[in-house]
Protein backbone atom coordinates (compact mmCIF):
# COMPACT_ATOMS: atom_id res chain seq x y z
CA MET A 1 -11.92 0.14 -34.91
CA THR A 2 -13.05 -0.41 -31.34
CA GLU A 3 -11.54 0.94 -28.23
CA PRO A 4 -9.85 -1.51 -25.73
CA SER A 5 -12.05 -2.65 -22.92
CA GLU A 6 -11.35 -1.56 -19.35
CA ALA A 7 -10.32 -5.12 -18.42
CA SER A 8 -7.67 -5.38 -21.14
CA GLU A 9 -6.56 -1.79 -20.44
CA ALA A 10 -6.00 -2.72 -16.78
CA LYS A 11 -3.84 -5.69 -17.73
CA ARG A 12 -1.50 -3.47 -19.66
CA ARG A 13 -1.16 -0.66 -17.15
CA PRO A 14 0.67 -1.16 -13.89
CA GLN A 15 -1.84 -0.96 -11.09
CA GLN A 16 -1.89 2.47 -9.47
CA ARG A 17 -1.99 2.99 -5.74
CA LYS A 18 -5.41 4.08 -4.48
CA GLN A 19 -5.55 7.37 -2.53
CA VAL A 20 -7.98 7.64 0.35
CA LEU A 21 -8.80 10.32 2.88
CA LEU A 22 -8.62 8.93 6.38
CA ARG A 23 -9.80 10.82 9.44
CA LEU A 24 -8.21 9.66 12.69
CA ASP A 25 -8.26 10.82 16.26
CA PRO A 26 -5.06 12.87 16.71
CA ALA A 27 -3.88 10.66 19.63
CA VAL A 28 -4.34 7.53 17.43
CA TYR A 29 -2.40 9.14 14.58
CA GLU A 30 0.43 10.15 16.89
CA ALA A 31 0.64 6.58 18.26
CA VAL A 32 0.77 5.12 14.73
CA ALA A 33 3.39 7.70 13.66
CA ARG A 34 5.55 6.83 16.64
CA TRP A 35 5.22 3.13 15.92
CA ALA A 36 6.03 3.77 12.27
CA GLY A 37 9.18 5.70 13.25
CA ASP A 38 10.30 2.82 15.44
CA GLU A 39 10.05 0.48 12.39
CA LEU A 40 11.54 2.99 9.97
CA ARG A 41 8.30 3.36 8.01
CA SER A 42 6.14 6.33 7.16
CA ALA A 43 2.81 6.62 8.92
CA ASN A 44 1.09 5.81 5.65
CA ALA A 45 3.18 2.63 5.13
CA GLN A 46 2.46 1.61 8.79
CA ILE A 47 -1.29 1.98 8.28
CA GLU A 48 -1.14 -0.15 5.09
CA PHE A 49 1.02 -2.73 6.86
CA LEU A 50 -1.46 -2.97 9.72
CA LEU A 51 -4.52 -3.16 7.42
CA ARG A 52 -2.91 -5.93 5.39
CA ARG A 53 -2.00 -7.89 8.57
CA ALA A 54 -5.58 -7.50 9.90
CA LEU A 55 -7.02 -8.62 6.57
CA ALA A 56 -4.69 -11.66 6.42
CA GLU A 57 -5.53 -12.67 10.01
CA ALA A 58 -9.25 -12.44 9.22
CA GLY A 59 -8.74 -14.43 6.01
CA ARG A 60 -9.92 -11.53 3.91
CA LEU A 61 -6.69 -10.41 2.18
CA PRO A 62 -7.46 -10.68 -1.56
CA GLY A 63 -5.23 -13.05 -3.49
CA GLU A 64 -4.66 -10.40 -6.15
CA ALA A 65 -3.26 -7.95 -3.58
CA GLY A 66 0.34 -7.38 -4.61
CA PRO A 67 3.20 -7.19 -2.17
CA LEU A 68 3.89 -4.00 -0.30
CA PRO A 69 6.00 -1.71 -2.43
CA ARG A 70 9.63 -1.45 -1.56
CA ARG A 71 10.43 1.57 0.52
CA GLY A 72 13.43 3.79 0.28
CA ARG A 73 15.92 4.43 -2.46
CA PRO A 74 15.76 2.17 -5.52
CA PRO A 75 18.75 -0.19 -5.98
CA ALA A 76 21.66 1.13 -7.93
CA PRO A 77 21.89 -0.14 -11.48
CA PRO A 78 24.64 -2.67 -12.13
CA GLN A 79 27.86 -1.15 -13.46
């Protein structure tokens, strides 16, 4: 019996978020963090929002890029 290929395995698993190490000038980080606070986002969510917007404006946002994950508390189940 053969093992499933990586492509078929990826189709069955929900796509995981990629973790990256990002080095920023402290003043740039503080500005992004303040902006994120103004828009009720985390600094990480703000950076992803800005990267996606820049990619879209440049026509480079991949079609397979899913929507931004919902932030905050999950909705309550129906009763």
